[in-house]
Amino acid sequence: MSRRPRPLTARQEAVLAVIKVWLAERGHGPTVREIGARIGLASTSSVAHQLGRLEARGLISRTGRDWSKCVLVEEQPARRPGLRSRGPGAGVDVYGR
Protein backbone atom coordinates (compact mmCIF):
# COMPACT_ATOMS: atom_id res chain seq x y z
CA MET A 1 0.00 0.00 0.00
CA SER A 2 1.58 3.27 -1.07
CA ARG A 3 0.91 6.60 0.54
CA ARG A 4 0.08 9.63 -1.48
CA PRO A 5 2.33 12.58 -0.66
CA ARG A 6 0.64 15.33 1.30
CA PRO A 7 -0.12 18.49 -0.63
CA LEU A 8 2.14 21.46 -0.12
CA THR A 9 1.21 23.87 2.61
CA ALA A 10 0.37 27.46 1.68
CA ARG A 11 3.71 28.59 3.07
CA GLN A 12 5.63 25.95 1.09
CA GLU A 13 3.81 27.00 -2.07
CA ALA A 14 4.71 30.64 -1.38
CA VAL A 15 8.38 29.79 -0.85
CA LEU A 16 8.45 27.72 -4.03
CA ALA A 17 6.78 30.52 -6.00
CA VAL A 18 9.35 33.05 -4.74
CA ILE A 19 12.20 30.75 -5.78
CA LYS A 20 10.70 30.17 -9.25
CA VAL A 21 10.22 33.89 -9.91
CA TRP A 22 13.62 34.80 -8.48
CA LEU A 23 15.41 32.20 -10.62
CA ALA A 24 13.58 33.37 -13.74
CA GLU A 25 14.36 37.04 -13.10
CA ARG A 26 17.92 36.81 -11.77
CA GLY A 27 19.30 33.42 -12.71
CA HIS A 28 20.22 32.47 -9.13
CA GLY A 29 18.26 31.62 -6.03
CA PRO A 30 17.23 34.11 -3.34
CA THR A 31 18.80 34.18 0.11
CA VAL A 32 16.87 33.01 3.15
CA ARG A 33 16.31 36.64 4.21
CA GLU A 34 15.06 37.61 0.74
CA ILE A 35 12.56 34.76 0.76
CA GLY A 36 11.41 35.75 4.25
CA ALA A 37 10.92 39.36 3.19
CA ARG A 38 8.83 38.31 0.18
CA ILE A 39 6.49 36.00 2.10
CA GLY A 40 6.34 37.94 5.36
CA LEU A 41 8.48 35.77 7.63
CA ALA A 42 10.98 37.58 9.85
CA SER A 43 12.50 34.37 11.23
CA THR A 44 15.23 32.95 9.01
CA SER A 45 14.83 29.70 10.93
CA SER A 46 11.23 29.40 9.72
CA VAL A 47 12.30 29.98 6.13
CA ALA A 48 15.14 27.46 6.44
CA HIS A 49 12.68 24.92 7.84
CA GLN A 50 10.36 25.37 4.85
CA LEU A 51 13.32 25.08 2.46
CA GLY A 52 14.40 21.89 4.20
CA ARG A 53 10.92 20.41 3.81
CA LEU A 54 10.88 21.30 0.09
CA GLU A 55 14.31 19.73 -0.30
CA ALA A 56 13.17 16.58 1.51
CA ARG A 57 10.22 16.32 -0.89
CA GLY A 58 12.61 16.55 -3.83
CA LEU A 59 11.24 19.83 -5.20
CA ILE A 60 14.45 21.84 -4.75
CA SER A 61 18.08 21.01 -4.21
CA ARG A 62 21.15 22.97 -3.24
CA THR A 63 24.18 23.10 -5.49
CA GLY A 64 26.24 24.66 -2.72
CA ARG A 65 26.17 25.10 1.00
CA ASP A 66 23.75 28.01 1.19
CA TRP A 67 20.22 28.30 -0.13
CA SER A 68 20.99 31.02 -2.69
CA LYS A 69 22.53 28.26 -4.77
CA CYS A 70 19.33 26.21 -4.90
CA VAL A 71 17.76 24.91 -8.08
CA LEU A 72 14.34 23.55 -8.91
CA VAL A 73 14.15 19.83 -9.45
CA GLU A 74 12.17 18.77 -12.48
CA GLU A 75 8.98 17.05 -11.41
CA GLN A 76 8.66 13.49 -12.61
CA PRO A 77 5.31 12.61 -14.17
CA ALA A 78 3.16 10.62 -11.78
CA ARG A 79 2.98 6.93 -12.60
CA ARG A 80 -0.17 5.02 -11.99
CA PRO A 81 0.39 1.62 -10.42
CA GLY A 82 -0.22 -1.36 -12.63
CA LEU A 83 0.45 0.37 -15.95
CA ARG A 84 3.36 -0.67 -18.11
CA SER A 85 5.65 1.59 -20.00
CA ARG A 86 4.94 1.93 -23.71
CA GLY A 87 8.61 2.35 -24.48
CA PRO A 88 10.74 -0.06 -26.51
CA GLY A 89 10.05 -3.63 -25.49
CA ALA A 90 6.98 -2.78 -23.43
CA GLY A 91 4.85 -5.80 -22.83
CA VAL A 92 7.53 -8.16 -24.06
CA ASP A 93 8.98 -10.60 -21.55
CA VAL A 94 12.52 -12.02 -21.61
CA TYR A 95 11.41 -14.73 -24.07
CA GLY A 96 10.11 -12.22 -26.63
CA ARG A 97 6.45 -12.97 -26.04
C-alpha atoms as a PDB file:
ATOM      1  CA  MET A   1       0.000   0.000   0.000  1.00  0.00           C
ATOM      2  CA  SER A   2       1.579   3.273  -1.069  1.00  0.00           C
ATOM      3  CA  ARG A   3       0.914   6.600   0.540  1.00  0.00           C
ATOM      4  CA  ARG A   4       0.085   9.633  -1.482  1.00  0.00           C
ATOM      5  CA  PRO A   5       2.328  12.585  -0.660  1.00  0.00           C
ATOM      6  CA  ARG A   6       0.644  15.326   1.299  1.00  0.00           C
ATOM      7  CA  PRO A   7      -0.123  18.487  -0.634  1.00  0.00           C
ATOM      8  CA  LEU A   8       2.143  21.458  -0.124  1.00  0.00           C
ATOM      9  CA  THR A   9       1.210  23.871   2.614  1.00  0.00           C
ATOM     10  CA  ALA A  10       0.372  27.457   1.680  1.00  0.00           C
ATOM     11  CA  ARG A  11       3.714  28.594   3.070  1.00  0.00           C
ATOM     12  CA  GLN A  12       5.629  25.952   1.094  1.00  0.00           C
ATOM     13  CA  GLU A  13       3.815  27.002  -2.072  1.00  0.00           C
ATOM     14  CA  ALA A  14       4.708  30.639  -1.380  1.00  0.00           C
ATOM     15  CA  VAL A  15       8.379  29.789  -0.852  1.00  0.00           C
ATOM     16  CA  LEU A  16       8.452  27.716  -4.030  1.00  0.00           C
ATOM     17  CA  ALA A  17       6.782  30.520  -5.997  1.00  0.00           C
ATOM     18  CA  VAL A  18       9.354  33.051  -4.742  1.00  0.00           C
ATOM     19  CA  ILE A  19      12.195  30.750  -5.781  1.00  0.00           C
ATOM     20  CA  LYS A  20      10.696  30.174  -9.253  1.00  0.00           C
ATOM     21  CA  VAL A  21      10.219  33.887  -9.907  1.00  0.00           C
ATOM     22  CA  TRP A  22      13.624  34.796  -8.484  1.00  0.00           C
ATOM     23  CA  LEU A  23      15.415  32.203 -10.623  1.00  0.00           C
ATOM     24  CA  ALA A  24      13.579  33.366 -13.736  1.00  0.00           C
ATOM     25  CA  GLU A  25      14.362  37.037 -13.099  1.00  0.00           C
ATOM     26  CA  ARG A  26      17.918  36.814 -11.768  1.00  0.00           C
ATOM     27  CA  GLY A  27      19.304  33.415 -12.708  1.00  0.00           C
ATOM     28  CA  HIS A  28      20.218  32.471  -9.133  1.00  0.00           C
ATOM     29  CA  GLY A  29      18.259  31.616  -6.026  1.00  0.00           C
ATOM     30  CA  PRO A  30      17.234  34.112  -3.337  1.00  0.00           C
ATOM     31  CA  THR A  31      18.801  34.180   0.107  1.00  0.00           C
ATOM     32  CA  VAL A  32      16.869  33.010   3.146  1.00  0.00           C
ATOM     33  CA  ARG A  33      16.308  36.637   4.208  1.00  0.00           C
ATOM     34  CA  GLU A  34      15.062  37.614   0.744  1.00  0.00           C
ATOM     35  CA  ILE A  35      12.564  34.761   0.763  1.00  0.00           C
ATOM     36  CA  GLY A  36      11.408  35.748   4.254  1.00  0.00           C
ATOM     37  CA  ALA A  37      10.922  39.361   3.191  1.00  0.00           C
ATOM     38  CA  ARG A  38       8.831  38.307   0.182  1.00  0.00           C
ATOM     39  CA  ILE A  39       6.486  35.997   2.099  1.00  0.00           C
ATOM     40  CA  GLY A  40       6.340  37.942   5.357  1.00  0.00           C
ATOM     41  CA  LEU A  41       8.479  35.766   7.628  1.00  0.00           C
ATOM     42  CA  ALA A  42      10.977  37.578   9.850  1.00  0.00           C
ATOM     43  CA  SER A  43      12.498  34.368  11.227  1.00  0.00           C
ATOM     44  CA  THR A  44      15.233  32.949   9.009  1.00  0.00           C
ATOM     45  CA  SER A  45      14.834  29.703  10.926  1.00  0.00           C
ATOM     46  CA  SER A  46      11.228  29.401   9.716  1.00  0.00           C
ATOM     47  CA  VAL A  47      12.297  29.982   6.130  1.00  0.00           C
ATOM     48  CA  ALA A  48      15.142  27.461   6.440  1.00  0.00           C
ATOM     49  CA  HIS A  49      12.685  24.918   7.838  1.00  0.00           C
ATOM     50  CA  GLN A  50      10.362  25.368   4.845  1.00  0.00           C
ATOM     51  CA  LEU A  51      13.317  25.076   2.465  1.00  0.00           C
ATOM     52  CA  GLY A  52      14.397  21.888   4.200  1.00  0.00           C
ATOM     53  CA  ARG A  53      10.919  20.409   3.812  1.00  0.00           C
ATOM     54  CA  LEU A  54      10.877  21.296   0.093  1.00  0.00           C
ATOM     55  CA  GLU A  55      14.313  19.732  -0.305  1.00  0.00           C
ATOM     56  CA  ALA A  56      13.169  16.577   1.510  1.00  0.00           C
ATOM     57  CA  ARG A  57      10.219  16.320  -0.892  1.00  0.00           C
ATOM     58  CA  GLY A  58      12.611  16.554  -3.828  1.00  0.00           C
ATOM     59  CA  LEU A  59      11.242  19.833  -5.205  1.00  0.00           C
ATOM     60  CA  ILE A  60      14.445  21.842  -4.754  1.00  0.00           C
ATOM     61  CA  SER A  61      18.081  21.009  -4.208  1.00  0.00           C
ATOM     62  CA  ARG A  62      21.152  22.971  -3.238  1.00  0.00           C
ATOM     63  CA  THR A  63      24.176  23.104  -5.488  1.00  0.00           C
ATOM     64  CA  GLY A  64      26.243  24.661  -2.723  1.00  0.00           C
ATOM     65  CA  ARG A  65      26.174  25.098   1.002  1.00  0.00           C
ATOM     66  CA  ASP A  66      23.751  28.014   1.185  1.00  0.00           C
ATOM     67  CA  TRP A  67      20.221  28.301  -0.131  1.00  0.00           C
ATOM     68  CA  SER A  68      20.993  31.019  -2.686  1.00  0.00           C
ATOM     69  CA  LYS A  69      22.525  28.258  -4.767  1.00  0.00           C
ATOM     70  CA  CYS A  70      19.330  26.206  -4.896  1.00  0.00           C
ATOM     71  CA  VAL A  71      17.759  24.911  -8.077  1.00  0.00           C
ATOM     72  CA  LEU A  72      14.339  23.554  -8.907  1.00  0.00           C
ATOM     73  CA  VAL A  73      14.146  19.827  -9.446  1.00  0.00           C
ATOM     74  CA  GLU A  74      12.165  18.766 -12.475  1.00  0.00           C
ATOM     75  CA  GLU A  75       8.975  17.049 -11.408  1.00  0.00           C
ATOM     76  CA  GLN A  76       8.659  13.490 -12.613  1.00  0.00           C
ATOM     77  CA  PRO A  77       5.311  12.606 -14.173  1.00  0.00           C
ATOM     78  CA  ALA A  78       3.162  10.621 -11.781  1.00  0.00           C
ATOM     79  CA  ARG A  79       2.981   6.933 -12.603  1.00  0.00           C
ATOM     80  CA  ARG A  80      -0.171   5.019 -11.993  1.00  0.00           C
ATOM     81  CA  PRO A  81       0.389   1.623 -10.423  1.00  0.00           C
ATOM     82  CA  GLY A  82      -0.217  -1.362 -12.629  1.00  0.00           C
ATOM     83  CA  LEU A  83       0.449   0.368 -15.949  1.00  0.00           C
ATOM     84  CA  ARG A  84       3.359  -0.669 -18.107  1.00  0.00           C
ATOM     85  CA  SER A  85       5.651   1.586 -20.004  1.00  0.00           C
ATOM     86  CA  ARG A  86       4.937   1.931 -23.705  1.00  0.00           C
ATOM     87  CA  GLY A  87       8.612   2.351 -24.479  1.00  0.00           C
ATOM     88  CA  PRO A  88      10.737  -0.061 -26.511  1.00  0.00           C
ATOM     89  CA  GLY A  89      10.050  -3.633 -25.495  1.00  0.00           C
ATOM     90  CA  ALA A  90       6.984  -2.780 -23.430  1.00  0.00           C
ATOM     91  CA  GLY A  91       4.845  -5.803 -22.831  1.00  0.00           C
ATOM     92  CA  VAL A  92       7.535  -8.156 -24.060  1.00  0.00           C
ATOM     93  CA  ASP A  93       8.982 -10.597 -21.553  1.00  0.00           C
ATOM     94  CA  VAL A  94      12.521 -12.017 -21.615  1.00  0.00           C
ATOM     95  CA  TYR A  95      11.411 -14.725 -24.069  1.00  0.00           C
ATOM     96  CA  GLY A  96      10.112 -12.224 -26.632  1.00  0.00           C
ATOM     97  CA  ARG A  97       6.446 -12.968 -26.042  1.00  0.00           C
END
